[in-house]
Amino acid sequence: MKLSRLTVLTVLTLNLAPALAQDEQRRHLLGLAVLNSSENDVDTANRFEGYGQSDYKISDTSYWFGSVRYEDDDFSQFENQATLALGYGRELFNNDVHRLNGEVGVGYRRAELRASGETSTEPVLRGKLDYEWVLSDTATLSNNFLVEAGSD
C-alpha cells in the first residue's frame, strides 16, 4: 500500500499602489507589496517591498520623476536593498483600453549582503515599463517591468 504525501501550499500576496495625490501637473504614488508563501509549514517565499514616486508633468505625454524603493526578501542574496532614482518618463500610448508608460533614469542603490553582512553602495541605471489593460469596468490587468542595473 502506497501512502500519498499531503502538500499544503499557502500563498499570501498583497499589492497596494494608490495614487495619493494627483492634479494636472503632479502625481504622487505610494505602494506596498507583500508576498508570503509556505508549503507544509515551511516558508518558500517571504518578501516585502515599499515604494514611492512623484511625477512632475512637463508636457501632455512627458514627465520628470523621483522614486524611492525598499525591498526585504528572505530568499535573495540581499538582506535588504534600497534605491533612490531620478529620471524621465513618457506615456507611450494611452486609450480607453490600453496604457503603456516607459521610464529611464539614474540612481543610487544601497544593499546589505546576506552572507557577509557587508553593505555595498553603487550608482544604478533604472528602466521601467508600466502597462495597464482595462478588461471591464471592474477589472484591470496591470504589469510593471523594473530594472535597476549597477556594476555588481
N, C-alpha and C. Protein backbone atom coordinates (compact mmCIF):
# COMPACT_ATOMS: atom_id res chain seq x y z
N MET A 1 0.83 -1.17 0.00
CA MET A 1 0.00 0.00 0.00
C MET A 1 0.88 1.24 0.00
N LYS A 2 0.61 2.16 -0.90
CA LYS A 2 1.39 3.38 -1.03
C LYS A 2 0.60 4.54 -0.45
N LEU A 3 1.24 5.27 0.46
CA LEU A 3 0.61 6.45 1.04
C LEU A 3 1.05 7.68 0.26
N SER A 4 0.12 8.49 -0.11
CA SER A 4 0.47 9.72 -0.82
C SER A 4 0.77 10.82 0.20
N ARG A 5 1.66 11.69 -0.18
CA ARG A 5 2.07 12.78 0.69
C ARG A 5 1.14 13.96 0.48
N LEU A 6 0.67 14.53 1.56
CA LEU A 6 -0.22 15.68 1.51
C LEU A 6 0.62 16.95 1.47
N THR A 7 0.39 17.77 0.48
CA THR A 7 1.10 19.04 0.34
C THR A 7 0.11 20.17 0.56
N VAL A 8 0.43 21.04 1.50
CA VAL A 8 -0.40 22.20 1.76
C VAL A 8 0.40 23.43 1.35
N LEU A 9 -0.15 24.17 0.41
CA LEU A 9 0.51 25.36 -0.12
C LEU A 9 -0.32 26.57 0.26
N THR A 10 0.31 27.52 0.92
CA THR A 10 -0.36 28.76 1.31
C THR A 10 0.39 29.93 0.70
N VAL A 11 -0.32 30.79 0.00
CA VAL A 11 0.30 31.96 -0.62
C VAL A 11 -0.52 33.19 -0.24
N LEU A 12 0.17 34.21 0.25
CA LEU A 12 -0.47 35.49 0.54
C LEU A 12 0.23 36.53 -0.30
N THR A 13 -0.52 37.23 -1.12
CA THR A 13 0.03 38.32 -1.93
C THR A 13 -0.83 39.55 -1.70
N LEU A 14 -0.18 40.65 -1.41
CA LEU A 14 -0.86 41.92 -1.20
C LEU A 14 -0.11 42.96 -2.00
N ASN A 15 -0.82 43.72 -2.80
CA ASN A 15 -0.20 44.77 -3.60
C ASN A 15 -1.11 45.98 -3.59
N LEU A 16 -0.66 47.03 -2.95
CA LEU A 16 -1.42 48.28 -2.85
C LEU A 16 -0.62 49.39 -3.50
N ALA A 17 -1.20 50.09 -4.46
CA ALA A 17 -0.49 51.19 -5.11
C ALA A 17 -1.47 52.31 -5.47
N PRO A 18 -2.06 52.94 -4.48
CA PRO A 18 -2.99 54.02 -4.79
C PRO A 18 -2.24 55.32 -5.10
N ALA A 19 -2.85 56.14 -5.93
CA ALA A 19 -2.32 57.49 -6.14
C ALA A 19 -2.72 58.32 -4.92
N LEU A 20 -1.73 58.83 -4.21
CA LEU A 20 -2.02 59.62 -3.01
C LEU A 20 -2.61 60.97 -3.37
N ALA A 21 -2.01 61.59 -4.38
CA ALA A 21 -2.49 62.91 -4.79
C ALA A 21 -2.18 63.09 -6.27
N GLN A 22 -3.07 63.76 -6.97
CA GLN A 22 -2.86 63.98 -8.38
C GLN A 22 -3.59 65.24 -8.82
N ASP A 23 -2.92 66.05 -9.61
CA ASP A 23 -3.56 67.18 -10.26
C ASP A 23 -3.04 67.23 -11.69
N GLU A 24 -3.27 68.32 -12.40
CA GLU A 24 -2.85 68.37 -13.80
C GLU A 24 -1.34 68.37 -13.97
N GLN A 25 -0.60 68.83 -12.96
CA GLN A 25 0.86 68.95 -13.07
C GLN A 25 1.62 67.86 -12.31
N ARG A 26 1.07 67.35 -11.22
CA ARG A 26 1.80 66.45 -10.34
C ARG A 26 1.00 65.19 -10.02
N ARG A 27 1.76 64.11 -9.74
CA ARG A 27 1.14 62.86 -9.27
C ARG A 27 2.09 62.25 -8.25
N HIS A 28 1.53 61.76 -7.14
CA HIS A 28 2.32 61.12 -6.09
C HIS A 28 1.75 59.73 -5.83
N LEU A 29 2.63 58.72 -5.90
CA LEU A 29 2.24 57.33 -5.67
C LEU A 29 2.96 56.77 -4.46
N LEU A 30 2.29 55.90 -3.76
CA LEU A 30 2.89 55.18 -2.64
C LEU A 30 2.39 53.75 -2.73
N GLY A 31 3.28 52.77 -2.62
CA GLY A 31 2.86 51.38 -2.79
C GLY A 31 3.51 50.45 -1.80
N LEU A 32 2.87 49.32 -1.64
CA LEU A 32 3.33 48.28 -0.73
C LEU A 32 3.03 46.94 -1.39
N ALA A 33 4.01 46.05 -1.42
CA ALA A 33 3.81 44.70 -1.96
C ALA A 33 4.36 43.70 -0.95
N VAL A 34 3.57 42.70 -0.63
CA VAL A 34 3.97 41.65 0.31
C VAL A 34 3.69 40.30 -0.34
N LEU A 35 4.67 39.42 -0.29
CA LEU A 35 4.50 38.05 -0.78
C LEU A 35 4.97 37.11 0.30
N ASN A 36 4.09 36.19 0.70
CA ASN A 36 4.44 35.18 1.69
C ASN A 36 3.86 33.87 1.22
N SER A 37 4.68 32.84 1.19
CA SER A 37 4.23 31.53 0.74
C SER A 37 4.87 30.45 1.60
N SER A 38 4.12 29.41 1.88
CA SER A 38 4.66 28.28 2.63
C SER A 38 4.08 26.99 2.10
N GLU A 39 4.84 25.93 2.27
CA GLU A 39 4.41 24.60 1.88
C GLU A 39 4.70 23.66 3.03
N ASN A 40 3.67 23.04 3.56
CA ASN A 40 3.81 22.14 4.72
C ASN A 40 4.51 22.85 5.88
N ASP A 41 4.07 24.07 6.18
CA ASP A 41 4.60 24.88 7.28
C ASP A 41 6.06 25.27 7.13
N VAL A 42 6.59 25.21 5.91
CA VAL A 42 7.95 25.66 5.63
C VAL A 42 7.85 26.85 4.68
N ASP A 43 8.42 27.99 5.08
CA ASP A 43 8.37 29.17 4.23
C ASP A 43 9.10 28.92 2.92
N THR A 44 8.47 29.27 1.82
CA THR A 44 9.09 29.17 0.49
C THR A 44 9.26 30.54 -0.16
N ALA A 45 8.62 31.55 0.40
CA ALA A 45 8.78 32.93 -0.08
C ALA A 45 8.38 33.87 1.05
N ASN A 46 9.14 34.93 1.22
CA ASN A 46 8.82 35.96 2.21
C ASN A 46 9.46 37.25 1.74
N ARG A 47 8.67 38.12 1.15
CA ARG A 47 9.19 39.33 0.53
C ARG A 47 8.30 40.51 0.87
N PHE A 48 8.95 41.65 1.15
CA PHE A 48 8.27 42.91 1.44
C PHE A 48 8.92 43.99 0.58
N GLU A 49 8.09 44.82 -0.04
CA GLU A 49 8.60 45.94 -0.82
C GLU A 49 7.74 47.17 -0.57
N GLY A 50 8.37 48.29 -0.31
CA GLY A 50 7.69 49.57 -0.18
C GLY A 50 8.30 50.54 -1.18
N TYR A 51 7.46 51.37 -1.80
CA TYR A 51 7.98 52.28 -2.81
C TYR A 51 7.12 53.54 -2.90
N GLY A 52 7.74 54.58 -3.41
CA GLY A 52 7.04 55.83 -3.64
C GLY A 52 7.60 56.51 -4.86
N GLN A 53 6.77 57.32 -5.50
CA GLN A 53 7.22 58.05 -6.68
C GLN A 53 6.43 59.34 -6.80
N SER A 54 7.12 60.39 -7.20
CA SER A 54 6.48 61.67 -7.53
C SER A 54 6.83 62.02 -8.97
N ASP A 55 5.80 62.41 -9.73
CA ASP A 55 5.96 62.78 -11.13
C ASP A 55 5.61 64.26 -11.29
N TYR A 56 6.35 64.95 -12.16
CA TYR A 56 6.06 66.34 -12.49
C TYR A 56 5.92 66.43 -14.01
N LYS A 57 4.73 66.71 -14.48
CA LYS A 57 4.42 66.72 -15.90
C LYS A 57 5.10 67.90 -16.59
N ILE A 58 5.79 67.64 -17.72
CA ILE A 58 6.43 68.71 -18.49
C ILE A 58 5.77 68.89 -19.86
N SER A 59 4.90 67.94 -20.24
CA SER A 59 4.09 68.07 -21.45
C SER A 59 2.90 67.12 -21.30
N ASP A 60 2.08 67.01 -22.34
CA ASP A 60 0.93 66.10 -22.25
C ASP A 60 1.34 64.64 -22.09
N THR A 61 2.54 64.27 -22.59
CA THR A 61 2.95 62.87 -22.54
C THR A 61 4.27 62.63 -21.81
N SER A 62 4.94 63.66 -21.32
CA SER A 62 6.25 63.50 -20.69
C SER A 62 6.26 64.04 -19.27
N TYR A 63 7.15 63.47 -18.44
CA TYR A 63 7.26 63.90 -17.04
C TYR A 63 8.63 63.57 -16.49
N TRP A 64 9.03 64.34 -15.48
CA TRP A 64 10.20 64.03 -14.66
C TRP A 64 9.70 63.23 -13.46
N PHE A 65 10.53 62.33 -12.95
CA PHE A 65 10.11 61.57 -11.77
C PHE A 65 11.25 61.45 -10.77
N GLY A 66 10.88 61.26 -9.53
CA GLY A 66 11.78 60.88 -8.46
C GLY A 66 11.16 59.68 -7.76
N SER A 67 11.97 58.66 -7.49
CA SER A 67 11.41 57.46 -6.89
C SER A 67 12.33 56.92 -5.79
N VAL A 68 11.72 56.22 -4.86
CA VAL A 68 12.45 55.54 -3.80
C VAL A 68 11.82 54.15 -3.64
N ARG A 69 12.67 53.14 -3.37
CA ARG A 69 12.17 51.77 -3.24
C ARG A 69 13.00 51.04 -2.19
N TYR A 70 12.32 50.28 -1.33
CA TYR A 70 12.97 49.45 -0.32
C TYR A 70 12.46 48.03 -0.47
N GLU A 71 13.37 47.06 -0.41
CA GLU A 71 13.00 45.65 -0.56
C GLU A 71 13.71 44.80 0.47
N ASP A 72 12.95 43.88 1.06
CA ASP A 72 13.49 42.91 2.01
C ASP A 72 12.95 41.54 1.60
N ASP A 73 13.83 40.67 1.12
CA ASP A 73 13.44 39.35 0.60
C ASP A 73 14.29 38.29 1.29
N ASP A 74 13.64 37.43 2.07
CA ASP A 74 14.36 36.40 2.82
C ASP A 74 15.02 35.35 1.93
N PHE A 75 14.67 35.30 0.65
CA PHE A 75 15.21 34.27 -0.23
C PHE A 75 16.08 34.85 -1.34
N SER A 76 16.64 36.03 -1.13
CA SER A 76 17.56 36.61 -2.10
C SER A 76 18.94 36.71 -1.47
N GLN A 77 19.91 37.12 -2.25
CA GLN A 77 21.28 37.27 -1.73
C GLN A 77 21.44 38.51 -0.87
N PHE A 78 20.42 39.38 -0.88
CA PHE A 78 20.49 40.62 -0.10
C PHE A 78 19.62 40.52 1.14
N GLU A 79 20.13 41.00 2.26
CA GLU A 79 19.31 41.13 3.46
C GLU A 79 18.22 42.16 3.20
N ASN A 80 18.64 43.27 2.59
CA ASN A 80 17.71 44.32 2.14
C ASN A 80 18.43 45.19 1.14
N GLN A 81 17.66 45.96 0.40
CA GLN A 81 18.25 46.94 -0.52
C GLN A 81 17.29 48.11 -0.71
N ALA A 82 17.88 49.27 -0.94
CA ALA A 82 17.10 50.50 -1.13
C ALA A 82 17.68 51.26 -2.31
N THR A 83 16.80 51.86 -3.11
CA THR A 83 17.21 52.59 -4.30
C THR A 83 16.51 53.94 -4.34
N LEU A 84 17.25 54.97 -4.69
CA LEU A 84 16.73 56.31 -4.92
C LEU A 84 17.08 56.68 -6.36
N ALA A 85 16.11 57.13 -7.16
CA ALA A 85 16.37 57.41 -8.57
C ALA A 85 15.63 58.65 -9.04
N LEU A 86 16.19 59.29 -10.06
CA LEU A 86 15.59 60.44 -10.75
C LEU A 86 15.62 60.15 -12.24
N GLY A 87 14.60 60.62 -12.97
CA GLY A 87 14.64 60.36 -14.40
C GLY A 87 13.50 60.97 -15.18
N TYR A 88 13.36 60.47 -16.40
CA TYR A 88 12.39 60.96 -17.38
C TYR A 88 11.41 59.85 -17.71
N GLY A 89 10.11 60.19 -17.76
CA GLY A 89 9.08 59.23 -18.13
C GLY A 89 8.26 59.75 -19.29
N ARG A 90 7.70 58.80 -20.04
CA ARG A 90 6.88 59.18 -21.20
C ARG A 90 5.72 58.21 -21.34
N GLU A 91 4.56 58.78 -21.61
CA GLU A 91 3.37 57.98 -21.92
C GLU A 91 3.51 57.55 -23.37
N LEU A 92 3.74 56.24 -23.60
CA LEU A 92 3.97 55.74 -24.95
C LEU A 92 2.67 55.58 -25.72
N PHE A 93 1.63 55.13 -25.05
CA PHE A 93 0.29 55.18 -25.61
C PHE A 93 -0.74 55.09 -24.49
N ASN A 94 -1.92 55.66 -24.78
CA ASN A 94 -2.99 55.69 -23.79
C ASN A 94 -4.31 55.84 -24.53
N ASN A 95 -5.16 54.80 -24.41
CA ASN A 95 -6.50 54.89 -24.96
C ASN A 95 -7.49 54.33 -23.94
N ASP A 96 -8.70 54.08 -24.32
CA ASP A 96 -9.71 53.60 -23.37
C ASP A 96 -9.42 52.21 -22.82
N VAL A 97 -8.60 51.43 -23.52
CA VAL A 97 -8.36 50.04 -23.12
C VAL A 97 -6.93 49.80 -22.65
N HIS A 98 -5.94 50.40 -23.31
CA HIS A 98 -4.53 50.12 -23.01
C HIS A 98 -3.77 51.41 -22.66
N ARG A 99 -2.80 51.25 -21.75
CA ARG A 99 -1.91 52.35 -21.39
C ARG A 99 -0.52 51.76 -21.19
N LEU A 100 0.51 52.42 -21.73
CA LEU A 100 1.89 52.00 -21.55
C LEU A 100 2.76 53.22 -21.31
N ASN A 101 3.46 53.22 -20.18
CA ASN A 101 4.42 54.27 -19.85
C ASN A 101 5.81 53.64 -19.80
N GLY A 102 6.81 54.41 -20.22
CA GLY A 102 8.21 54.00 -20.12
C GLY A 102 9.00 55.04 -19.33
N GLU A 103 9.96 54.57 -18.55
CA GLU A 103 10.79 55.47 -17.75
C GLU A 103 12.26 55.06 -17.83
N VAL A 104 13.15 56.05 -17.86
CA VAL A 104 14.59 55.82 -17.77
C VAL A 104 15.15 56.82 -16.77
N GLY A 105 16.17 56.39 -16.03
CA GLY A 105 16.74 57.29 -15.05
C GLY A 105 18.04 56.76 -14.48
N VAL A 106 18.59 57.54 -13.60
CA VAL A 106 19.81 57.17 -12.88
C VAL A 106 19.51 57.23 -11.39
N GLY A 107 20.27 56.46 -10.62
CA GLY A 107 20.01 56.45 -9.19
C GLY A 107 21.18 55.90 -8.41
N TYR A 108 20.88 55.57 -7.18
CA TYR A 108 21.87 55.12 -6.22
C TYR A 108 21.25 53.99 -5.41
N ARG A 109 21.97 52.88 -5.27
CA ARG A 109 21.46 51.73 -4.52
C ARG A 109 22.38 51.40 -3.35
N ARG A 110 21.76 51.08 -2.23
CA ARG A 110 22.45 50.59 -1.04
C ARG A 110 21.91 49.20 -0.76
N ALA A 111 22.80 48.22 -0.64
CA ALA A 111 22.37 46.84 -0.41
C ALA A 111 23.23 46.19 0.66
N GLU A 112 22.59 45.39 1.51
CA GLU A 112 23.30 44.63 2.53
C GLU A 112 23.30 43.17 2.13
N LEU A 113 24.49 42.60 1.94
CA LEU A 113 24.62 41.21 1.52
C LEU A 113 24.28 40.27 2.68
N ARG A 114 23.50 39.24 2.39
CA ARG A 114 23.05 38.31 3.41
C ARG A 114 24.20 37.47 3.97
N ALA A 115 25.07 36.95 3.11
CA ALA A 115 26.11 36.03 3.54
C ALA A 115 27.14 36.69 4.45
N SER A 116 27.58 37.90 4.10
CA SER A 116 28.67 38.54 4.84
C SER A 116 28.21 39.67 5.75
N GLY A 117 27.01 40.20 5.53
CA GLY A 117 26.56 41.37 6.28
C GLY A 117 27.17 42.66 5.77
N GLU A 118 28.00 42.55 4.74
CA GLU A 118 28.67 43.72 4.16
C GLU A 118 27.66 44.59 3.41
N THR A 119 27.84 45.91 3.52
CA THR A 119 26.97 46.85 2.83
C THR A 119 27.69 47.40 1.62
N SER A 120 27.00 47.39 0.48
CA SER A 120 27.58 47.96 -0.74
C SER A 120 26.69 49.10 -1.23
N THR A 121 27.31 50.07 -1.85
CA THR A 121 26.59 51.18 -2.47
C THR A 121 27.12 51.35 -3.88
N GLU A 122 26.22 51.72 -4.80
CA GLU A 122 26.64 51.88 -6.18
C GLU A 122 25.63 52.71 -6.96
N PRO A 123 26.09 53.38 -8.02
CA PRO A 123 25.15 54.05 -8.93
C PRO A 123 24.43 52.99 -9.77
N VAL A 124 23.21 53.29 -10.17
CA VAL A 124 22.43 52.36 -10.99
C VAL A 124 21.75 53.11 -12.14
N LEU A 125 21.47 52.37 -13.19
CA LEU A 125 20.59 52.83 -14.26
C LEU A 125 19.24 52.17 -14.01
N ARG A 126 18.18 52.94 -14.21
CA ARG A 126 16.84 52.43 -13.92
C ARG A 126 15.98 52.52 -15.17
N GLY A 127 15.30 51.44 -15.49
CA GLY A 127 14.36 51.41 -16.59
C GLY A 127 13.07 50.76 -16.14
N LYS A 128 11.94 51.27 -16.60
CA LYS A 128 10.66 50.73 -16.18
C LYS A 128 9.64 50.83 -17.30
N LEU A 129 8.87 49.76 -17.48
CA LEU A 129 7.69 49.77 -18.34
C LEU A 129 6.48 49.48 -17.46
N ASP A 130 5.45 50.28 -17.60
CA ASP A 130 4.24 50.17 -16.79
C ASP A 130 3.05 50.03 -17.73
N TYR A 131 2.45 48.82 -17.75
CA TYR A 131 1.36 48.51 -18.68
C TYR A 131 0.06 48.29 -17.93
N GLU A 132 -1.03 48.77 -18.52
CA GLU A 132 -2.36 48.58 -17.93
C GLU A 132 -3.36 48.26 -19.04
N TRP A 133 -4.17 47.23 -18.81
CA TRP A 133 -5.19 46.80 -19.77
C TRP A 133 -6.53 46.78 -19.04
N VAL A 134 -7.45 47.62 -19.44
CA VAL A 134 -8.78 47.67 -18.82
C VAL A 134 -9.64 46.60 -19.47
N LEU A 135 -9.96 45.56 -18.70
CA LEU A 135 -10.76 44.45 -19.21
C LEU A 135 -12.25 44.74 -19.15
N SER A 136 -12.68 45.44 -18.10
CA SER A 136 -14.08 45.81 -17.92
C SER A 136 -14.14 46.98 -16.95
N ASP A 137 -15.34 47.40 -16.59
CA ASP A 137 -15.49 48.49 -15.62
C ASP A 137 -14.94 48.12 -14.25
N THR A 138 -14.86 46.82 -13.95
CA THR A 138 -14.44 46.38 -12.62
C THR A 138 -13.15 45.57 -12.62
N ALA A 139 -12.52 45.35 -13.78
CA ALA A 139 -11.31 44.53 -13.85
C ALA A 139 -10.25 45.19 -14.71
N THR A 140 -9.04 45.29 -14.15
CA THR A 140 -7.90 45.84 -14.86
C THR A 140 -6.70 44.94 -14.64
N LEU A 141 -5.99 44.64 -15.70
CA LEU A 141 -4.75 43.87 -15.64
C LEU A 141 -3.60 44.86 -15.74
N SER A 142 -2.66 44.78 -14.82
CA SER A 142 -1.51 45.68 -14.88
C SER A 142 -0.23 44.90 -14.64
N ASN A 143 0.86 45.39 -15.23
CA ASN A 143 2.15 44.74 -15.07
C ASN A 143 3.24 45.80 -15.13
N ASN A 144 4.19 45.71 -14.22
CA ASN A 144 5.34 46.59 -14.20
C ASN A 144 6.60 45.77 -14.42
N PHE A 145 7.47 46.25 -15.28
CA PHE A 145 8.77 45.62 -15.52
C PHE A 145 9.81 46.64 -15.11
N LEU A 146 10.55 46.36 -14.04
CA LEU A 146 11.52 47.30 -13.47
C LEU A 146 12.90 46.68 -13.50
N VAL A 147 13.87 47.43 -14.01
CA VAL A 147 15.27 47.02 -14.00
C VAL A 147 16.07 48.12 -13.33
N GLU A 148 16.85 47.74 -12.32
CA GLU A 148 17.79 48.64 -11.66
C GLU A 148 19.14 47.95 -11.76
N ALA A 149 19.97 48.39 -12.70
CA ALA A 149 21.23 47.71 -13.00
C ALA A 149 22.41 48.53 -12.55
N GLY A 150 23.29 47.88 -11.79
CA GLY A 150 24.53 48.51 -11.34
C GLY A 150 25.72 47.67 -11.79
N SER A 151 26.88 47.97 -11.26
CA SER A 151 28.09 47.25 -11.66
C SER A 151 28.22 45.89 -10.99
N ASP A 152 27.57 45.69 -9.84
CA ASP A 152 27.68 44.39 -9.14
C ASP A 152 26.66 43.40 -9.63
